[in-house]
């Protein structure tokens, strides 16, 4: 699965790890994350991410 990086703070979303602390289970593709999810580092939305 494709990793995505936040253009603001460089946080990398790795689908294998997910973001369980914020309700995204491991194995969740970036496209399947709810639109309400925010970057756990800087708080930007999904629109601030691009493919790594």
PDB file of N, CA and C in Angstrom:
ATOM      1  N   UNK A   1       0.838  -1.187   0.000  1.00  0.00           N
ATOM      2  CA  UNK A   1       0.000   0.000   0.000  1.00  0.00           C
ATOM      3  C   UNK A   1       0.881   1.248   0.000  1.00  0.00           C
ATOM      4  N   UNK A   2       0.367   2.278  -0.611  1.00  0.00           N
ATOM      5  CA  UNK A   2       1.086   3.534  -0.798  1.00  0.00           C
ATOM      6  C   UNK A   2       1.147   4.352   0.489  1.00  0.00           C
ATOM      7  N   UNK A   3       2.331   4.901   0.787  1.00  0.00           N
ATOM      8  CA  UNK A   3       2.487   5.816   1.908  1.00  0.00           C
ATOM      9  C   UNK A   3       2.200   7.234   1.424  1.00  0.00           C
ATOM     10  N   UNK A   4       1.739   8.074   2.352  1.00  0.00           N
ATOM     11  CA  UNK A   4       1.451   9.470   2.049  1.00  0.00           C
ATOM     12  C   UNK A   4       2.181  10.346   3.051  1.00  0.00           C
ATOM     13  N   UNK A   5       2.640  11.512   2.587  1.00  0.00           N
ATOM     14  CA  UNK A   5       3.386  12.418   3.454  1.00  0.00           C
ATOM     15  C   UNK A   5       2.644  13.758   3.555  1.00  0.00           C
ATOM     16  N   UNK A   6       2.627  14.313   4.765  1.00  0.00           N
ATOM     17  CA  UNK A   6       2.004  15.610   4.990  1.00  0.00           C
ATOM     18  C   UNK A   6       2.921  16.691   4.424  1.00  0.00           C
ATOM     19  N   UNK A   7       2.374  17.531   3.553  1.00  0.00           N
ATOM     20  CA  UNK A   7       3.166  18.582   2.924  1.00  0.00           C
ATOM     21  C   UNK A   7       3.532  19.696   3.904  1.00  0.00           C
ATOM     22  N   UNK A   8       2.855  19.741   5.048  1.00  0.00           N
ATOM     23  CA  UNK A   8       3.107  20.797   6.029  1.00  0.00           C
ATOM     24  C   UNK A   8       4.209  20.404   7.011  1.00  0.00           C
ATOM     25  N   UNK A   9       4.115  19.177   7.590  1.00  0.00           N
ATOM     26  CA  UNK A   9       5.054  18.808   8.658  1.00  0.00           C
ATOM     27  C   UNK A   9       5.906  17.577   8.353  1.00  0.00           C
ATOM     28  N   UNK A  10       5.687  16.946   7.210  1.00  0.00           N
ATOM     29  CA  UNK A  10       6.450  15.776   6.754  1.00  0.00           C
ATOM     30  C   UNK A  10       6.114  14.479   7.485  1.00  0.00           C
ATOM     31  N   UNK A  11       4.991  14.448   8.239  1.00  0.00           N
ATOM     32  CA  UNK A  11       4.515  13.196   8.844  1.00  0.00           C
ATOM     33  C   UNK A  11       4.197  12.211   7.722  1.00  0.00           C
ATOM     34  N   UNK A  12       4.632  10.967   7.881  1.00  0.00           N
ATOM     35  CA  UNK A  12       4.352   9.945   6.872  1.00  0.00           C
ATOM     36  C   UNK A  12       3.272   9.018   7.396  1.00  0.00           C
ATOM     37  N   UNK A  13       2.158   8.938   6.644  1.00  0.00           N
ATOM     38  CA  UNK A  13       1.118   7.968   6.975  1.00  0.00           C
ATOM     39  C   UNK A  13       1.480   6.652   6.310  1.00  0.00           C
ATOM     40  N   UNK A  14       1.707   5.629   7.116  1.00  0.00           N
ATOM     41  CA  UNK A  14       2.038   4.288   6.636  1.00  0.00           C
ATOM     42  C   UNK A  14       0.811   3.415   6.853  1.00  0.00           C
ATOM     43  N   UNK A  15       0.173   2.945   5.782  1.00  0.00           N
ATOM     44  CA  UNK A  15      -1.037   2.145   5.932  1.00  0.00           C
ATOM     45  C   UNK A  15      -0.827   0.857   6.725  1.00  0.00           C
ATOM     46  N   UNK A  16       0.370   0.319   6.703  1.00  0.00           N
ATOM     47  CA  UNK A  16       0.625  -0.903   7.471  1.00  0.00           C
ATOM     48  C   UNK A  16       0.525  -0.640   8.972  1.00  0.00           C
ATOM     49  N   UNK A  17       0.904   0.559   9.395  1.00  0.00           N
ATOM     50  CA  UNK A  17       0.852   0.926  10.813  1.00  0.00           C
ATOM     51  C   UNK A  17      -0.472   1.575  11.186  1.00  0.00           C
ATOM     52  N   UNK A  18      -1.096   2.256  10.232  1.00  0.00           N
ATOM     53  CA  UNK A  18      -2.328   2.993  10.522  1.00  0.00           C
ATOM     54  C   UNK A  18      -2.050   4.140  11.481  1.00  0.00           C
ATOM     55  N   UNK A  19      -3.076   4.571  12.182  1.00  0.00           N
ATOM     56  CA  UNK A  19      -2.967   5.614  13.210  1.00  0.00           C
ATOM     57  C   UNK A  19      -3.966   5.258  14.309  1.00  0.00           C
ATOM     58  N   UNK A  20      -3.705   4.131  15.013  1.00  0.00           N
ATOM     59  CA  UNK A  20      -4.671   3.624  15.994  1.00  0.00           C
ATOM     60  C   UNK A  20      -5.034   4.624  17.090  1.00  0.00           C
ATOM     61  N   UNK A  21      -4.112   5.493  17.457  1.00  0.00           N
ATOM     62  CA  UNK A  21      -4.406   6.483  18.492  1.00  0.00           C
ATOM     63  C   UNK A  21      -5.504   7.447  18.058  1.00  0.00           C
ATOM     64  N   UNK A  22      -5.710   7.557  16.747  1.00  0.00           N
ATOM     65  CA  UNK A  22      -6.731   8.461  16.206  1.00  0.00           C
ATOM     66  C   UNK A  22      -7.805   7.704  15.430  1.00  0.00           C
ATOM     67  N   UNK A  23      -7.975   6.421  15.732  1.00  0.00           N
ATOM     68  CA  UNK A  23      -9.085   5.649  15.188  1.00  0.00           C
ATOM     69  C   UNK A  23      -8.875   5.022  13.831  1.00  0.00           C
ATOM     70  N   UNK A  24      -7.643   4.989  13.330  1.00  0.00           N
ATOM     71  CA  UNK A  24      -7.373   4.384  12.024  1.00  0.00           C
ATOM     72  C   UNK A  24      -6.585   3.098  12.258  1.00  0.00           C
ATOM     73  N   UNK A  25      -7.217   1.984  11.994  1.00  0.00           N
ATOM     74  CA  UNK A  25      -6.615   0.681  12.258  1.00  0.00           C
ATOM     75  C   UNK A  25      -5.496   0.358  11.268  1.00  0.00           C
ATOM     76  N   UNK A  26      -4.497  -0.411  11.704  1.00  0.00           N
ATOM     77  CA  UNK A  26      -3.449  -0.867  10.781  1.00  0.00           C
ATOM     78  C   UNK A  26      -4.078  -1.591   9.582  1.00  0.00           C
ATOM     79  N   UNK A  27      -3.492  -1.383   8.420  1.00  0.00           N
ATOM     80  CA  UNK A  27      -4.001  -1.994   7.201  1.00  0.00           C
ATOM     81  C   UNK A  27      -5.007  -1.125   6.467  1.00  0.00           C
ATOM     82  N   UNK A  28      -5.264   0.099   6.958  1.00  0.00           N
ATOM     83  CA  UNK A  28      -6.223   1.006   6.321  1.00  0.00           C
ATOM     84  C   UNK A  28      -5.522   1.842   5.258  1.00  0.00           C
ATOM     85  N   UNK A  29      -5.971   1.711   4.019  1.00  0.00           N
ATOM     86  CA  UNK A  29      -5.416   2.512   2.929  1.00  0.00           C
ATOM     87  C   UNK A  29      -5.754   3.981   3.163  1.00  0.00           C
ATOM     88  N   UNK A  30      -4.884   4.873   2.706  1.00  0.00           N
ATOM     89  CA  UNK A  30      -5.093   6.308   2.902  1.00  0.00           C
ATOM     90  C   UNK A  30      -6.459   6.734   2.355  1.00  0.00           C
ATOM     91  N   UNK A  31      -6.832   6.184   1.209  1.00  0.00           N
ATOM     92  CA  UNK A  31      -8.100   6.544   0.580  1.00  0.00           C
ATOM     93  C   UNK A  31      -9.302   6.162   1.442  1.00  0.00           C
ATOM     94  N   UNK A  32      -9.128   5.186   2.337  1.00  0.00           N
ATOM     95  CA  UNK A  32     -10.223   4.702   3.171  1.00  0.00           C
ATOM     96  C   UNK A  32     -10.304   5.390   4.531  1.00  0.00           C
ATOM     97  N   UNK A  33      -9.361   6.285   4.821  1.00  0.00           N
ATOM     98  CA  UNK A  33      -9.415   7.043   6.077  1.00  0.00           C
ATOM     99  C   UNK A  33     -10.573   8.030   5.974  1.00  0.00           C
ATOM    100  N   UNK A  34     -11.358   8.194   7.041  1.00  0.00           N
ATOM    101  CA  UNK A  34     -12.447   9.177   7.000  1.00  0.00           C
ATOM    102  C   UNK A  34     -11.932  10.583   6.688  1.00  0.00           C
ATOM    103  N   UNK A  35     -12.720  11.376   5.980  1.00  0.00           N
ATOM    104  CA  UNK A  35     -12.310  12.737   5.625  1.00  0.00           C
ATOM    105  C   UNK A  35     -12.129  13.620   6.850  1.00  0.00           C
ATOM    106  N   UNK A  36     -12.684  13.220   7.969  1.00  0.00           N
ATOM    107  CA  UNK A  36     -12.566  14.005   9.200  1.00  0.00           C
ATOM    108  C   UNK A  36     -11.217  13.795   9.904  1.00  0.00           C
ATOM    109  N   UNK A  37     -10.423  12.802   9.447  1.00  0.00           N
ATOM    110  CA  UNK A  37      -9.128  12.507  10.059  1.00  0.00           C
ATOM    111  C   UNK A  37      -8.177  13.675   9.831  1.00  0.00           C
ATOM    112  N   UNK A  38      -7.358  13.969  10.844  1.00  0.00           N
ATOM    113  CA  UNK A  38      -6.379  15.046  10.752  1.00  0.00           C
ATOM    114  C   UNK A  38      -4.983  14.497  11.027  1.00  0.00           C
ATOM    115  N   UNK A  39      -3.984  15.129  10.457  1.00  0.00           N
ATOM    116  CA  UNK A  39      -2.598  14.750  10.701  1.00  0.00           C
ATOM    117  C   UNK A  39      -2.345  14.775  12.210  1.00  0.00           C
ATOM    118  N   UNK A  40      -1.821  13.691  12.760  1.00  0.00           N
ATOM    119  CA  UNK A  40      -1.606  13.646  14.207  1.00  0.00           C
ATOM    120  C   UNK A  40      -0.503  14.576  14.703  1.00  0.00           C
ATOM    121  N   UNK A  41       0.291  15.117  13.809  1.00  0.00           N
ATOM    122  CA  UNK A  41       1.374  16.017  14.210  1.00  0.00           C
ATOM    123  C   UNK A  41       0.938  17.486  14.128  1.00  0.00           C
ATOM    124  N   UNK A  42       0.419  17.906  12.961  1.00  0.00           N
ATOM    125  CA  UNK A  42       0.134  19.332  12.764  1.00  0.00           C
ATOM    126  C   UNK A  42      -1.349  19.675  12.661  1.00  0.00           C
ATOM    127  N   UNK A  43      -2.207  18.657  12.542  1.00  0.00           N
ATOM    128  CA  UNK A  43      -3.643  18.914  12.501  1.00  0.00           C
ATOM    129  C   UNK A  43      -4.215  19.267  11.136  1.00  0.00           C
ATOM    130  N   UNK A  44      -3.419  19.151  10.092  1.00  0.00           N
ATOM    131  CA  UNK A  44      -3.932  19.413   8.740  1.00  0.00           C
ATOM    132  C   UNK A  44      -4.820  18.261   8.286  1.00  0.00           C
ATOM    133  N   UNK A  45      -5.707  18.531   7.332  1.00  0.00           N
ATOM    134  CA  UNK A  45      -6.594  17.517   6.796  1.00  0.00           C
ATOM    135  C   UNK A  45      -5.932  16.678   5.711  1.00  0.00           C
ATOM    136  N   UNK A  46      -6.682  15.721   5.198  1.00  0.00           N
ATOM    137  CA  UNK A  46      -6.150  14.812   4.182  1.00  0.00           C
ATOM    138  C   UNK A  46      -5.685  15.532   2.919  1.00  0.00           C
ATOM    139  N   UNK A  47      -6.259  16.696   2.625  1.00  0.00           N
ATOM    140  CA  UNK A  47      -5.887  17.436   1.424  1.00  0.00           C
ATOM    141  C   UNK A  47      -4.429  17.901   1.458  1.00  0.00           C
ATOM    142  N   UNK A  48      -3.835  17.955   2.648  1.00  0.00           N
ATOM    143  CA  UNK A  48      -2.445  18.397   2.781  1.00  0.00           C
ATOM    144  C   UNK A  48      -1.446  17.273   2.533  1.00  0.00           C
ATOM    145  N   UNK A  49      -1.927  16.076   2.201  1.00  0.00           N
ATOM    146  CA  UNK A  49      -1.050  14.916   1.995  1.00  0.00           C
ATOM    147  C   UNK A  49      -0.859  14.643   0.505  1.00  0.00           C
ATOM    148  N   UNK A  50       0.327  14.148   0.178  1.00  0.00           N
ATOM    149  CA  UNK A  50       0.597  13.707  -1.192  1.00  0.00           C
ATOM    150  C   UNK A  50       1.337  12.372  -1.125  1.00  0.00           C
ATOM    151  N   UNK A  51       1.293  11.632  -2.234  1.00  0.00           N
ATOM    152  CA  UNK A  51       1.958  10.329  -2.272  1.00  0.00           C
ATOM    153  C   UNK A  51       3.436  10.498  -2.031  1.00  0.00           C
ATOM    154  N   UNK A  52       4.000   9.561  -1.260  1.00  0.00           N
ATOM    155  CA  UNK A  52       5.425   9.606  -0.972  1.00  0.00           C
ATOM    156  C   UNK A  52       6.208   9.113  -2.168  1.00  0.00           C
TER     157      UNK A  52
END
